[in-house]
Structure formats: C-alpha cells, structure tokens
Amino acid sequence: MLKVYTYANCDTCRRAVKWMRAHDLAFTEHPIRETPPTPAELRAMLAAQGGELRRLFNTSGRDYREQQLGDRLAALEKTKAGETEALGLLAGNGNLVKRPFLLGPKVGLVGFNEAAWTAALQG
C-alpha cells in the first residue's frame, strides 16, 4: 500500500491526494508535522531519489531557513555521519521534509508533479 505524508494547509498536498483519489489508488495519509517519516522511510526515499539528500528537504520552509540548513547541507552530504545527522533532523521535524512525501513498495516520490506521479504509479 502507498503511504503519503501531507500537511493539511499545503495546496500541493491537497492536489496530490485529490489526484490519487481520482485514480483510485489505495493509500494511507499521515500528517507530516505530527508524525514525520521514520529514519528507515527517509533512507528508502533517499535511495529512491538517487542519494540526493537535498531533495528530501523542504528548502522553501521557515524551519529550513531558521536553521540555516542551506549552508550546512553541503557539508552534511559529504559523509555518512552527516547523512545520518540530516536524516535525524528530518525524522525529528516534519516541517523540514519536502511534501507530499509518498512511499510505496517500489516507489518514492517527493513533491507533486502530475506527470512524474502518473509515470511512477500508473506506468
């Protein structure tokens, strides 16, 4: 089953959920702020994103800016310990996670791009 993490006040998340329902996809929805993805889910998504740690972060979010992660992320990406630290930040603060965040048995998508979701989920 697909698992999608969303934020109720996010228009993009609402569009993604609406799209999934329109395509009769079975999924469970989870509030990303209250229950962020687990470290294991984040590692699975990192693998699905080709190891690009930056793709997992909500780089336009207030928490990201306040923690000055834009400056820190380049250094964190260079080592396994840094990657683990970054995943810990994401698991501890759902506001930092790019949304919607969709995981399934053979798919991992962040952000909503209708063409990409169609290709991954219906192709």
PDB file of N, CA and C in Angstrom:
ATOM      1  N   MET A   1       0.840  -1.184   0.000  1.00  0.00           N
ATOM      2  CA  MET A   1       0.000   0.000   0.000  1.00  0.00           C
ATOM      3  C   MET A   1       0.883   1.246   0.000  1.00  0.00           C
ATOM      4  N   LEU A   2       0.382   2.284  -0.626  1.00  0.00           N
ATOM      5  CA  LEU A   2       1.087   3.557  -0.660  1.00  0.00           C
ATOM      6  C   LEU A   2       0.856   4.307   0.641  1.00  0.00           C
ATOM      7  N   LYS A   3       1.876   5.022   1.056  1.00  0.00           N
ATOM      8  CA  LYS A   3       1.809   5.834   2.268  1.00  0.00           C
ATOM      9  C   LYS A   3       2.216   7.243   1.862  1.00  0.00           C
ATOM     10  N   VAL A   4       1.349   8.210   2.117  1.00  0.00           N
ATOM     11  CA  VAL A   4       1.656   9.583   1.738  1.00  0.00           C
ATOM     12  C   VAL A   4       1.592  10.479   2.973  1.00  0.00           C
ATOM     13  N   TYR A   5       2.656  11.241   3.157  1.00  0.00           N
ATOM     14  CA  TYR A   5       2.732  12.211   4.233  1.00  0.00           C
ATOM     15  C   TYR A   5       2.353  13.568   3.655  1.00  0.00           C
ATOM     16  N   THR A   6       1.408  14.237   4.315  1.00  0.00           N
ATOM     17  CA  THR A   6       0.925  15.522   3.822  1.00  0.00           C
ATOM     18  C   THR A   6       0.810  16.518   4.966  1.00  0.00           C
ATOM     19  N   TYR A   7       0.624  17.769   4.582  1.00  0.00           N
ATOM     20  CA  TYR A   7       0.354  18.852   5.514  1.00  0.00           C
ATOM     21  C   TYR A   7      -0.986  19.449   5.104  1.00  0.00           C
ATOM     22  N   ALA A   8      -1.920  19.522   6.037  1.00  0.00           N
ATOM     23  CA  ALA A   8      -3.294  19.926   5.727  1.00  0.00           C
ATOM     24  C   ALA A   8      -3.392  21.295   5.045  1.00  0.00           C
ATOM     25  N   ASN A   9      -2.510  22.220   5.381  1.00  0.00           N
ATOM     26  CA  ASN A   9      -2.572  23.565   4.804  1.00  0.00           C
ATOM     27  C   ASN A   9      -1.768  23.714   3.519  1.00  0.00           C
ATOM     28  N   CYS A  10      -1.335  22.613   2.957  1.00  0.00           N
ATOM     29  CA  CYS A  10      -0.499  22.643   1.757  1.00  0.00           C
ATOM     30  C   CYS A  10      -1.353  22.353   0.519  1.00  0.00           C
ATOM     31  N   ASP A  11      -1.453  23.340  -0.364  1.00  0.00           N
ATOM     32  CA  ASP A  11      -2.235  23.163  -1.597  1.00  0.00           C
ATOM     33  C   ASP A  11      -1.698  22.021  -2.451  1.00  0.00           C
ATOM     34  N   THR A  12      -0.389  21.896  -2.528  1.00  0.00           N
ATOM     35  CA  THR A  12       0.219  20.844  -3.333  1.00  0.00           C
ATOM     36  C   THR A  12      -0.151  19.469  -2.777  1.00  0.00           C
ATOM     37  N   CYS A  13      -0.144  19.335  -1.469  1.00  0.00           N
ATOM     38  CA  CYS A  13      -0.537  18.068  -0.831  1.00  0.00           C
ATOM     39  C   CYS A  13      -1.987  17.746  -1.147  1.00  0.00           C
ATOM     40  N   ARG A  14      -2.847  18.748  -1.055  1.00  0.00           N
ATOM     41  CA  ARG A  14      -4.270  18.522  -1.347  1.00  0.00           C
ATOM     42  C   ARG A  14      -4.463  18.112  -2.804  1.00  0.00           C
ATOM     43  N   ARG A  15      -3.722  18.720  -3.717  1.00  0.00           N
ATOM     44  CA  ARG A  15      -3.813  18.334  -5.137  1.00  0.00           C
ATOM     45  C   ARG A  15      -3.349  16.901  -5.333  1.00  0.00           C
ATOM     46  N   ALA A  16      -2.283  16.512  -4.652  1.00  0.00           N
ATOM     47  CA  ALA A  16      -1.755  15.150  -4.783  1.00  0.00           C
ATOM     48  C   ALA A  16      -2.770  14.122  -4.279  1.00  0.00           C
ATOM     49  N   VAL A  17      -3.372  14.379  -3.133  1.00  0.00           N
ATOM     50  CA  VAL A  17      -4.358  13.456  -2.570  1.00  0.00           C
ATOM     51  C   VAL A  17      -5.583  13.388  -3.482  1.00  0.00           C
ATOM     52  N   LYS A  18      -6.018  14.522  -3.978  1.00  0.00           N
ATOM     53  CA  LYS A  18      -7.155  14.548  -4.901  1.00  0.00           C
ATOM     54  C   LYS A  18      -6.840  13.726  -6.154  1.00  0.00           C
ATOM     55  N   TRP A  19      -5.634  13.882  -6.674  1.00  0.00           N
ATOM     56  CA  TRP A  19      -5.210  13.128  -7.850  1.00  0.00           C
ATOM     57  C   TRP A  19      -5.213  11.627  -7.556  1.00  0.00           C
ATOM     58  N   MET A  20      -4.691  11.225  -6.402  1.00  0.00           N
ATOM     59  CA  MET A  20      -4.648   9.811  -6.031  1.00  0.00           C
ATOM     60  C   MET A  20      -6.056   9.230  -5.920  1.00  0.00           C
ATOM     61  N   ARG A  21      -6.962   9.986  -5.322  1.00  0.00           N
ATOM     62  CA  ARG A  21      -8.346   9.507  -5.201  1.00  0.00           C
ATOM     63  C   ARG A  21      -9.002   9.394  -6.579  1.00  0.00           C
ATOM     64  N   ALA A  22      -8.749  10.370  -7.448  1.00  0.00           N
ATOM     65  CA  ALA A  22      -9.325  10.350  -8.796  1.00  0.00           C
ATOM     66  C   ALA A  22      -8.827   9.151  -9.595  1.00  0.00           C
ATOM     67  N   HIS A  23      -7.639   8.652  -9.256  1.00  0.00           N
ATOM     68  CA  HIS A  23      -7.064   7.499  -9.952  1.00  0.00           C
ATOM     69  C   HIS A  23      -7.252   6.194  -9.174  1.00  0.00           C
ATOM     70  N   ASP A  24      -8.130   6.232  -8.184  1.00  0.00           N
ATOM     71  CA  ASP A  24      -8.479   5.038  -7.398  1.00  0.00           C
ATOM     72  C   ASP A  24      -7.270   4.304  -6.831  1.00  0.00           C
ATOM     73  N   LEU A  25      -6.313   5.056  -6.318  1.00  0.00           N
ATOM     74  CA  LEU A  25      -5.126   4.457  -5.710  1.00  0.00           C
ATOM     75  C   LEU A  25      -5.377   4.246  -4.218  1.00  0.00           C
ATOM     76  N   ALA A  26      -5.029   3.085  -3.728  1.00  0.00           N
ATOM     77  CA  ALA A  26      -5.164   2.789  -2.297  1.00  0.00           C
ATOM     78  C   ALA A  26      -3.965   3.384  -1.564  1.00  0.00           C
ATOM     79  N   PHE A  27      -4.236   4.190  -0.556  1.00  0.00           N
ATOM     80  CA  PHE A  27      -3.147   4.815   0.191  1.00  0.00           C
ATOM     81  C   PHE A  27      -3.611   5.151   1.595  1.00  0.00           C
ATOM     82  N   THR A  28      -2.633   5.338   2.464  1.00  0.00           N
ATOM     83  CA  THR A  28      -2.909   5.870   3.793  1.00  0.00           C
ATOM     84  C   THR A  28      -2.242   7.232   3.864  1.00  0.00           C
ATOM     85  N   GLU A  29      -2.929   8.165   4.480  1.00  0.00           N
ATOM     86  CA  GLU A  29      -2.419   9.528   4.599  1.00  0.00           C
ATOM     87  C   GLU A  29      -2.004   9.782   6.036  1.00  0.00           C
ATOM     88  N   HIS A  30      -0.853  10.425   6.196  1.00  0.00           N
ATOM     89  CA  HIS A  30      -0.309  10.695   7.523  1.00  0.00           C
ATOM     90  C   HIS A  30       0.073  12.166   7.620  1.00  0.00           C
ATOM     91  N   PRO A  31      -0.225  12.808   8.751  1.00  0.00           N
ATOM     92  CA  PRO A  31       0.145  14.217   8.927  1.00  0.00           C
ATOM     93  C   PRO A  31       1.654  14.346   9.169  1.00  0.00           C
ATOM     94  N   ILE A  32       2.325  15.011   8.247  1.00  0.00           N
ATOM     95  CA  ILE A  32       3.788  15.056   8.264  1.00  0.00           C
ATOM     96  C   ILE A  32       4.343  15.817   9.464  1.00  0.00           C
ATOM     97  N   ARG A  33       3.628  16.822   9.939  1.00  0.00           N
ATOM     98  CA  ARG A  33       4.134  17.592  11.073  1.00  0.00           C
ATOM     99  C   ARG A  33       4.048  16.792  12.375  1.00  0.00           C
ATOM    100  N   GLU A  34       2.945  16.075  12.549  1.00  0.00           N
ATOM    101  CA  GLU A  34       2.738  15.324  13.784  1.00  0.00           C
ATOM    102  C   GLU A  34       3.469  13.988  13.785  1.00  0.00           C
ATOM    103  N   THR A  35       3.553  13.352  12.632  1.00  0.00           N
ATOM    104  CA  THR A  35       4.224  12.050  12.523  1.00  0.00           C
ATOM    105  C   THR A  35       5.130  12.053  11.297  1.00  0.00           C
ATOM    106  N   PRO A  36       6.318  12.641  11.420  1.00  0.00           N
ATOM    107  CA  PRO A  36       7.242  12.670  10.286  1.00  0.00           C
ATOM    108  C   PRO A  36       7.660  11.260   9.872  1.00  0.00           C
ATOM    109  N   PRO A  37       8.167  11.125   8.647  1.00  0.00           N
ATOM    110  CA  PRO A  37       8.680   9.820   8.219  1.00  0.00           C
ATOM    111  C   PRO A  37       9.763   9.315   9.172  1.00  0.00           C
ATOM    112  N   THR A  38       9.831   8.009   9.313  1.00  0.00           N
ATOM    113  CA  THR A  38      10.837   7.386  10.176  1.00  0.00           C
ATOM    114  C   THR A  38      12.209   7.433   9.485  1.00  0.00           C
ATOM    115  N   PRO A  39      13.273   7.231  10.244  1.00  0.00           N
ATOM    116  CA  PRO A  39      14.596   7.165   9.611  1.00  0.00           C
ATOM    117  C   PRO A  39      14.656   6.098   8.512  1.00  0.00           C
ATOM    118  N   ALA A  40      14.014   4.951   8.724  1.00  0.00           N
ATOM    119  CA  ALA A  40      14.015   3.896   7.698  1.00  0.00           C
ATOM    120  C   ALA A  40      13.289   4.366   6.434  1.00  0.00           C
ATOM    121  N   GLU A  41      12.166   5.064   6.614  1.00  0.00           N
ATOM    122  CA  GLU A  41      11.439   5.590   5.453  1.00  0.00           C
ATOM    123  C   GLU A  41      12.254   6.657   4.743  1.00  0.00           C
ATOM    124  N   LEU A  42      12.935   7.479   5.511  1.00  0.00           N
ATOM    125  CA  LEU A  42      13.781   8.519   4.914  1.00  0.00           C
ATOM    126  C   LEU A  42      14.930   7.903   4.125  1.00  0.00           C
ATOM    127  N   ARG A  43      15.513   6.828   4.652  1.00  0.00           N
ATOM    128  CA  ARG A  43      16.592   6.138   3.914  1.00  0.00           C
ATOM    129  C   ARG A  43      16.058   5.531   2.615  1.00  0.00           C
ATOM    130  N   ALA A  44      14.869   4.960   2.667  1.00  0.00           N
ATOM    131  CA  ALA A  44      14.253   4.407   1.459  1.00  0.00           C
ATOM    132  C   ALA A  44      14.013   5.517   0.435  1.00  0.00           C
ATOM    133  N   MET A  45      13.538   6.659   0.894  1.00  0.00           N
ATOM    134  CA  MET A  45      13.301   7.781  -0.019  1.00  0.00           C
ATOM    135  C   MET A  45      14.612   8.317  -0.564  1.00  0.00           C
ATOM    136  N   LEU A  46      15.628   8.375   0.276  1.00  0.00           N
ATOM    137  CA  LEU A  46      16.935   8.837  -0.181  1.00  0.00           C
ATOM    138  C   LEU A  46      17.433   7.947  -1.315  1.00  0.00           C
ATOM    139  N   ALA A  47      17.273   6.646  -1.175  1.00  0.00           N
ATOM    140  CA  ALA A  47      17.667   5.720  -2.236  1.00  0.00           C
ATOM    141  C   ALA A  47      16.837   5.957  -3.494  1.00  0.00           C
ATOM    142  N   ALA A  48      15.528   6.185  -3.323  1.00  0.00           N
ATOM    143  CA  ALA A  48      14.644   6.431  -4.472  1.00  0.00           C
ATOM    144  C   ALA A  48      14.992   7.732  -5.180  1.00  0.00           C
ATOM    145  N   GLN A  49      15.613   8.652  -4.452  1.00  0.00           N
ATOM    146  CA  GLN A  49      15.998   9.944  -5.027  1.00  0.00           C
ATOM    147  C   GLN A  49      17.458   9.947  -5.466  1.00  0.00           C
ATOM    148  N   GLY A  50      18.019   8.774  -5.652  1.00  0.00           N
ATOM    149  CA  GLY A  50      19.389   8.670  -6.147  1.00  0.00           C
ATOM    150  C   GLY A  50      20.444   9.187  -5.190  1.00  0.00           C
ATOM    151  N   GLY A  51      20.126   9.181  -3.895  1.00  0.00           N
ATOM    152  CA  GLY A  51      21.094   9.627  -2.902  1.00  0.00           C
ATOM    153  C   GLY A  51      21.178  11.140  -2.755  1.00  0.00           C
ATOM    154  N   GLU A  52      20.297  11.871  -3.405  1.00  0.00           N
ATOM    155  CA  GLU A  52      20.321  13.341  -3.337  1.00  0.00           C
ATOM    156  C   GLU A  52      19.589  13.817  -2.084  1.00  0.00           C
ATOM    157  N   LEU A  53      20.332  14.013  -1.037  1.00  0.00           N
ATOM    158  CA  LEU A  53      19.793  14.386   0.268  1.00  0.00           C
ATOM    159  C   LEU A  53      18.960  15.666   0.196  1.00  0.00           C
ATOM    160  N   ARG A  54      19.403  16.631  -0.560  1.00  0.00           N
ATOM    161  CA  ARG A  54      18.722  17.922  -0.667  1.00  0.00           C
ATOM    162  C   ARG A  54      17.271  17.768  -1.136  1.00  0.00           C
ATOM    163  N   ARG A  55      16.993  16.744  -1.936  1.00  0.00           N
ATOM    164  CA  ARG A  55      15.638  16.538  -2.468  1.00  0.00           C
ATOM    165  C   ARG A  55      14.636  16.169  -1.377  1.00  0.00           C
ATOM    166  N   LEU A  56      15.102  15.723  -0.232  1.00  0.00           N
ATOM    167  CA  LEU A  56      14.217  15.350   0.862  1.00  0.00           C
ATOM    168  C   LEU A  56      13.807  16.549   1.714  1.00  0.00           C
ATOM    169  N   PHE A  57      14.495  17.663   1.558  1.00  0.00           N
ATOM    170  CA  PHE A  57      14.258  18.841   2.396  1.00  0.00           C
ATOM    171  C   PHE A  57      13.291  19.822   1.755  1.00  0.00           C
ATOM    172  N   ASN A  58      12.454  20.410   2.588  1.00  0.00           N
ATOM    173  CA  ASN A  58      11.567  21.500   2.194  1.00  0.00           C
ATOM    174  C   ASN A  58      12.403  22.775   2.247  1.00  0.00           C
ATOM    175  N   THR A  59      13.127  23.034   1.180  1.00  0.00           N
ATOM    176  CA  THR A  59      14.104  24.131   1.164  1.00  0.00           C
ATOM    177  C   THR A  59      13.454  25.516   1.190  1.00  0.00           C
ATOM    178  N   SER A  60      12.157  25.587   0.949  1.00  0.00           N
ATOM    179  CA  SER A  60      11.483  26.887   0.993  1.00  0.00           C
ATOM    180  C   SER A  60      10.794  27.127   2.336  1.00  0.00           C
ATOM    181  N   GLY A  61      10.928  26.191   3.257  1.00  0.00           N
ATOM    182  CA  GLY A  61      10.257  26.305   4.546  1.00  0.00           C
ATOM    183  C   GLY A  61      10.976  27.194   5.543  1.00  0.00           C
ATOM    184  N   ARG A  62      10.198  27.734   6.476  1.00  0.00           N
ATOM    185  CA  ARG A  62      10.732  28.615   7.509  1.00  0.00           C
ATOM    186  C   ARG A  62      11.748  27.903   8.395  1.00  0.00           C
ATOM    187  N   ASP A  63      11.432  26.667   8.807  1.00  0.00           N
ATOM    188  CA  ASP A  63      12.350  25.935   9.696  1.00  0.00           C
ATOM    189  C   ASP A  63      13.694  25.702   9.011  1.00  0.00           C
ATOM    190  N   TYR A  64      13.664  25.409   7.730  1.00  0.00           N
ATOM    191  CA  TYR A  64      14.891  25.199   6.953  1.00  0.00           C
ATOM    192  C   TYR A  64      15.746  26.474   6.973  1.00  0.00           C
ATOM    193  N   ARG A  65      15.095  27.606   6.740  1.00  0.00           N
ATOM    194  CA  ARG A  65      15.821  28.888   6.728  1.00  0.00           C
ATOM    195  C   ARG A  65      16.334  29.251   8.114  1.00  0.00           C
ATOM    196  N   GLU A  66      15.475  29.081   9.138  1.00  0.00           N
ATOM    197  CA  GLU A  66      15.862  29.444  10.501  1.00  0.00           C
ATOM    198  C   GLU A  66      17.052  28.631  11.002  1.00  0.00           C
ATOM    199  N   GLN A  67      17.129  27.375  10.586  1.00  0.00           N
ATOM    200  CA  GLN A  67      18.248  26.521  10.996  1.00  0.00           C
ATOM    201  C   GLN A  67      19.447  26.665  10.064  1.00  0.00           C
ATOM    202  N   GLN A  68      19.337  27.535   9.089  1.00  0.00           N
ATOM    203  CA  GLN A  68      20.407  27.800   8.116  1.00  0.00           C
ATOM    204  C   GLN A  68      20.930  26.502   7.501  1.00  0.00           C
ATOM    205  N   LEU A  69      19.992  25.631   7.150  1.00  0.00           N
ATOM    206  CA  LEU A  69      20.372  24.333   6.599  1.00  0.00           C
ATOM    207  C   LEU A  69      20.934  24.447   5.193  1.00  0.00           C
ATOM    208  N   GLY A  70      20.590  25.501   4.492  1.00  0.00           N
ATOM    209  CA  GLY A  70      21.160  25.703   3.165  1.00  0.00           C
ATOM    210  C   GLY A  70      22.680  25.742   3.231  1.00  0.00           C
ATOM    211  N   ASP A  71      23.205  26.372   4.264  1.00  0.00           N
ATOM    212  CA  ASP A  71      24.652  26.465   4.446  1.00  0.00           C
ATOM    213  C   ASP A  71      25.240  25.146   4.941  1.00  0.00           C
ATOM    214  N   ARG A  72      24.500  24.428   5.764  1.00  0.00           N
ATOM    215  CA  ARG A  72      25.006  23.205   6.397  1.00  0.00           C
ATOM    216  C   ARG A  72      24.865  21.959   5.531  1.00  0.00           C
ATOM    217  N   LEU A  73      23.885  21.947   4.654  1.00  0.00           N
ATOM    218  CA  LEU A  73      23.544  20.728   3.928  1.00  0.00           C
ATOM    219  C   LEU A  73      24.685  20.216   3.059  1.00  0.00           C
ATOM    220  N   ALA A  74      25.407  21.103   2.428  1.00  0.00           N
ATOM    221  CA  ALA A  74      26.525  20.679   1.566  1.00  0.00           C
ATOM    222  C   ALA A  74      27.544  19.877   2.376  1.00  0.00           C
ATOM    223  N   ALA A  75      27.824  20.313   3.593  1.00  0.00           N
ATOM    224  CA  ALA A  75      28.780  19.595   4.438  1.00  0.00           C
ATOM    225  C   ALA A  75      28.195  18.267   4.918  1.00  0.00           C
ATOM    226  N   LEU A  76      26.900  18.261   5.240  1.00  0.00           N
ATOM    227  CA  LEU A  76      26.266  17.036   5.729  1.00  0.00           C
ATOM    228  C   LEU A  76      26.239  15.953   4.651  1.00  0.00           C
ATOM    229  N   GLU A  77      26.115  16.360   3.396  1.00  0.00           N
ATOM    230  CA  GLU A  77      26.032  15.407   2.291  1.00  0.00           C
ATOM    231  C   GLU A  77      27.338  14.658   2.044  1.00  0.00           C
ATOM    232  N   LYS A  78      28.440  15.161   2.574  1.00  0.00           N
ATOM    233  CA  LYS A  78      29.755  14.608   2.247  1.00  0.00           C
ATOM    234  C   LYS A  78      30.148  13.358   3.022  1.00  0.00           C
ATOM    235  N   THR A  79      29.502  13.128   4.168  1.00  0.00           N
ATOM    236  CA  THR A  79      29.897  11.981   4.983  1.00  0.00           C
ATOM    237  C   THR A  79      28.674  11.156   5.392  1.00  0.00           C
ATOM    238  N   LYS A  80      28.897   9.907   5.726  1.00  0.00           N
ATOM    239  CA  LYS A  80      27.823   9.042   6.207  1.00  0.00           C
ATOM    240  C   LYS A  80      27.279   9.575   7.535  1.00  0.00           C
ATOM    241  N   ALA A  81      28.165  10.071   8.397  1.00  0.00           N
ATOM    242  CA  ALA A  81      27.719  10.632   9.672  1.00  0.00           C
ATOM    243  C   ALA A  81      26.859  11.875   9.432  1.00  0.00           C
ATOM    244  N   GLY A  82      27.237  12.686   8.472  1.00  0.00           N
ATOM    245  CA  GLY A  82      26.454  13.867   8.119  1.00  0.00           C
ATOM    246  C   GLY A  82      25.097  13.485   7.563  1.00  0.00           C
ATOM    247  N   GLU A  83      25.079  12.450   6.730  1.00  0.00           N
ATOM    248  CA  GLU A  83      23.808  11.958   6.175  1.00  0.00           C
ATOM    249  C   GLU A  83      22.900  11.489   7.305  1.00  0.00           C
ATOM    250  N   THR A  84      23.458  10.742   8.249  1.00  0.00           N
ATOM    251  CA  THR A  84      22.685  10.257   9.387  1.00  0.00           C
ATOM    252  C   THR A  84      22.144  11.430  10.204  1.00  0.00           C
ATOM    253  N   GLU A  85      22.951  12.463  10.399  1.00  0.00           N
ATOM    254  CA  GLU A  85      22.513  13.660  11.128  1.00  0.00           C
ATOM    255  C   GLU A  85      21.361  14.341  10.383  1.00  0.00           C
ATOM    256  N   ALA A  86      21.496  14.468   9.075  1.00  0.00           N
ATOM    257  CA  ALA A  86      20.462  15.109   8.268  1.00  0.00           C
ATOM    258  C   ALA A  86      19.149  14.319   8.333  1.00  0.00           C
ATOM    259  N   LEU A  87      19.235  13.008   8.243  1.00  0.00           N
ATOM    260  CA  LEU A  87      18.030  12.180   8.328  1.00  0.00           C
ATOM    261  C   LEU A  87      17.397  12.287   9.713  1.00  0.00           C
ATOM    262  N   GLY A  88      18.224  12.433  10.735  1.00  0.00           N
ATOM    263  CA  GLY A  88      17.713  12.644  12.088  1.00  0.00           C
ATOM    264  C   GLY A  88      16.965  13.959  12.218  1.00  0.00           C
ATOM    265  N   LEU A  89      17.482  15.008  11.567  1.00  0.00           N
ATOM    266  CA  LEU A  89      16.789  16.296  11.563  1.00  0.00           C
ATOM    267  C   LEU A  89      15.420  16.159  10.912  1.00  0.00           C
ATOM    268  N   LEU A  90      15.374  15.471   9.781  1.00  0.00           N
ATOM    269  CA  LEU A  90      14.114  15.279   9.059  1.00  0.00           C
ATOM    270  C   LEU A  90      13.124  14.453   9.878  1.00  0.00           C
ATOM    271  N   ALA A  91      13.602  13.367  10.484  1.00  0.00           N
ATOM    272  CA  ALA A  91      12.727  12.491  11.277  1.00  0.00           C
ATOM    273  C   ALA A  91      12.196  13.204  12.518  1.00  0.00           C
ATOM    274  N   GLY A  92      12.924  14.193  12.992  1.00  0.00           N
ATOM    275  CA  GLY A  92      12.530  14.915  14.192  1.00  0.00           C
ATOM    276  C   GLY A  92      11.688  16.145  13.953  1.00  0.00           C
ATOM    277  N   ASN A  93      11.577  16.569  12.685  1.00  0.00           N
ATOM    278  CA  ASN A  93      10.834  17.791  12.384  1.00  0.00           C
ATOM    279  C   ASN A  93      10.196  17.665  10.999  1.00  0.00           C
ATOM    280  N   GLY A  94       8.916  17.303  10.981  1.00  0.00           N
ATOM    281  CA  GLY A  94       8.205  17.120   9.718  1.00  0.00           C
ATOM    282  C   GLY A  94       8.146  18.369   8.859  1.00  0.00           C
ATOM    283  N   ASN A  95       8.310  19.560   9.479  1.00  0.00           N
ATOM    284  CA  ASN A  95       8.319  20.793   8.687  1.00  0.00           C
ATOM    285  C   ASN A  95       9.512  20.853   7.734  1.00  0.00           C
ATOM    286  N   LEU A  96      10.555  20.099   8.030  1.00  0.00           N
ATOM    287  CA  LEU A  96      11.755  20.115   7.185  1.00  0.00           C
ATOM    288  C   LEU A  96      11.625  19.211   5.960  1.00  0.00           C
ATOM    289  N   VAL A  97      10.643  18.315   5.971  1.00  0.00           N
ATOM    290  CA  VAL A  97      10.520  17.303   4.923  1.00  0.00           C
ATOM    291  C   VAL A  97       9.737  17.850   3.728  1.00  0.00           C
ATOM    292  N   LYS A  98      10.279  17.649   2.544  1.00  0.00           N
ATOM    293  CA  LYS A  98       9.580  18.034   1.313  1.00  0.00           C
ATOM    294  C   LYS A  98       8.280  17.253   1.228  1.00  0.00           C
ATOM    295  N   ARG A  99       7.221  17.945   0.873  1.00  0.00           N
ATOM    296  CA  ARG A  99       5.916  17.302   0.822  1.00  0.00           C
ATOM    297  C   ARG A  99       5.215  17.599  -0.488  1.00  0.00           C
ATOM    298  N   PRO A 100       4.273  16.762  -0.857  1.00  0.00           N
ATOM    299  CA  PRO A 100       3.954  15.488  -0.249  1.00  0.00           C
ATOM    300  C   PRO A 100       5.108  14.500  -0.386  1.00  0.00           C
ATOM    301  N   PHE A 101       5.133  13.536   0.499  1.00  0.00           N
ATOM    302  CA  PHE A 101       6.192  12.538   0.611  1.00  0.00           C
ATOM    303  C   PHE A 101       5.500  11.195   0.477  1.00  0.00           C
ATOM    304  N   LEU A 102       5.675  10.528  -0.663  1.00  0.00           N
ATOM    305  CA  LEU A 102       4.946   9.295  -0.949  1.00  0.00           C
ATOM    306  C   LEU A 102       5.893   8.118  -1.068  1.00  0.00           C
ATOM    307  N   LEU A 103       5.612   7.078  -0.281  1.00  0.00           N
ATOM    308  CA  LEU A 103       6.397   5.846  -0.332  1.00  0.00           C
ATOM    309  C   LEU A 103       5.484   4.661  -0.611  1.00  0.00           C
ATOM    310  N   GLY A 104       5.974   3.775  -1.442  1.00  0.00           N
ATOM    311  CA  GLY A 104       5.276   2.531  -1.719  1.00  0.00           C
ATOM    312  C   GLY A 104       6.306   1.427  -1.852  1.00  0.00           C
ATOM    313  N   PRO A 105       5.862   0.204  -2.111  1.00  0.00           N
ATOM    314  CA  PRO A 105       6.802  -0.915  -2.212  1.00  0.00           C
ATOM    315  C   PRO A 105       7.894  -0.705  -3.266  1.00  0.00           C
ATOM    316  N   LYS A 106       7.552  -0.029  -4.339  1.00  0.00           N
ATOM    317  CA  LYS A 106       8.530   0.153  -5.418  1.00  0.00           C
ATOM    318  C   LYS A 106       8.629   1.591  -5.886  1.00  0.00           C
ATOM    319  N   VAL A 107       8.198   2.532  -5.058  1.00  0.00           N
ATOM    320  CA  VAL A 107       8.179   3.934  -5.473  1.00  0.00           C
ATOM    321  C   VAL A 107       8.472   4.851  -4.297  1.00  0.00           C
ATOM    322  N   GLY A 108       9.146   5.956  -4.596  1.00  0.00           N
ATOM    323  CA  GLY A 108       9.397   7.006  -3.630  1.00  0.00           C
ATOM    324  C   GLY A 108       9.371   8.339  -4.346  1.00  0.00           C
ATOM    325  N   LEU A 109       8.413   9.193  -3.991  1.00  0.00           N
ATOM    326  CA  LEU A 109       8.252  10.483  -4.657  1.00  0.00           C
ATOM    327  C   LEU A 109       8.146  11.592  -3.629  1.00  0.00           C
ATOM    328  N   VAL A 110       8.795  12.708  -3.906  1.00  0.00           N
ATOM    329  CA  VAL A 110       8.657  13.898  -3.063  1.00  0.00           C
ATOM    330  C   VAL A 110       8.207  15.048  -3.948  1.00  0.00           C
ATOM    331  N   GLY A 111       7.347  15.892  -3.390  1.00  0.00           N
ATOM    332  CA  GLY A 111       6.758  16.946  -4.194  1.00  0.00           C
ATOM    333  C   GLY A 111       5.718  16.321  -5.112  1.00  0.00           C
ATOM    334  N   PHE A 112       4.859  17.152  -5.684  1.00  0.00           N
ATOM    335  CA  PHE A 112       3.844  16.613  -6.589  1.00  0.00           C
ATOM    336  C   PHE A 112       4.057  17.162  -7.990  1.00  0.00           C
ATOM    337  N   ASN A 113       4.383  16.232  -8.880  1.00  0.00           N
ATOM    338  CA  ASN A 113       4.479  16.527 -10.303  1.00  0.00           C
ATOM    339  C   ASN A 113       3.582  15.498 -10.969  1.00  0.00           C
ATOM    340  N   GLU A 114       2.469  15.941 -11.527  1.00  0.00           N
ATOM    341  CA  GLU A 114       1.466  15.006 -12.044  1.00  0.00           C
ATOM    342  C   GLU A 114       2.049  14.035 -13.064  1.00  0.00           C
ATOM    343  N   ALA A 115       2.882  14.511 -13.957  1.00  0.00           N
ATOM    344  CA  ALA A 115       3.469  13.620 -14.972  1.00  0.00           C
ATOM    345  C   ALA A 115       4.357  12.560 -14.324  1.00  0.00           C
ATOM    346  N   ALA A 116       5.163  12.959 -13.358  1.00  0.00           N
ATOM    347  CA  ALA A 116       6.049  12.010 -12.683  1.00  0.00           C
ATOM    348  C   ALA A 116       5.230  11.007 -11.871  1.00  0.00           C
ATOM    349  N   TRP A 117       4.193  11.460 -11.200  1.00  0.00           N
ATOM    350  CA  TRP A 117       3.365  10.558 -10.409  1.00  0.00           C
ATOM    351  C   TRP A 117       2.608   9.588 -11.327  1.00  0.00           C
ATOM    352  N   THR A 118       2.141  10.084 -12.447  1.00  0.00           N
ATOM    353  CA  THR A 118       1.440   9.217 -13.399  1.00  0.00           C
ATOM    354  C   THR A 118       2.387   8.126 -13.898  1.00  0.00           C
ATOM    355  N   ALA A 119       3.594   8.523 -14.270  1.00  0.00           N
ATOM    356  CA  ALA A 119       4.568   7.552 -14.770  1.00  0.00           C
ATOM    357  C   ALA A 119       4.928   6.515 -13.702  1.00  0.00           C
ATOM    358  N   ALA A 120       5.106   6.976 -12.477  1.00  0.00           N
ATOM    359  CA  ALA A 120       5.543   6.075 -11.398  1.00  0.00           C
ATOM    360  C   ALA A 120       4.412   5.187 -10.872  1.00  0.00           C
ATOM    361  N   LEU A 121       3.201   5.700 -10.855  1.00  0.00           N
ATOM    362  CA  LEU A 121       2.110   4.992 -10.199  1.00  0.00           C
ATOM    363  C   LEU A 121       1.140   4.303 -11.164  1.00  0.00           C
ATOM    364  N   GLN A 122       1.203   4.675 -12.422  1.00  0.00           N
ATOM    365  CA  GLN A 122       0.274   4.073 -13.366  1.00  0.00           C
ATOM    366  C   GLN A 122       0.974   3.491 -14.584  1.00  0.00           C
ATOM    367  N   GLY A 123       2.292   3.669 -14.633  1.00  0.00           N
ATOM    368  CA  GLY A 123       3.042   3.231 -15.799  1.00  0.00           C
ATOM    369  C   GLY A 123       3.378   1.790 -15.822  1.00  0.00           C
TER     370      GLY A 123
END
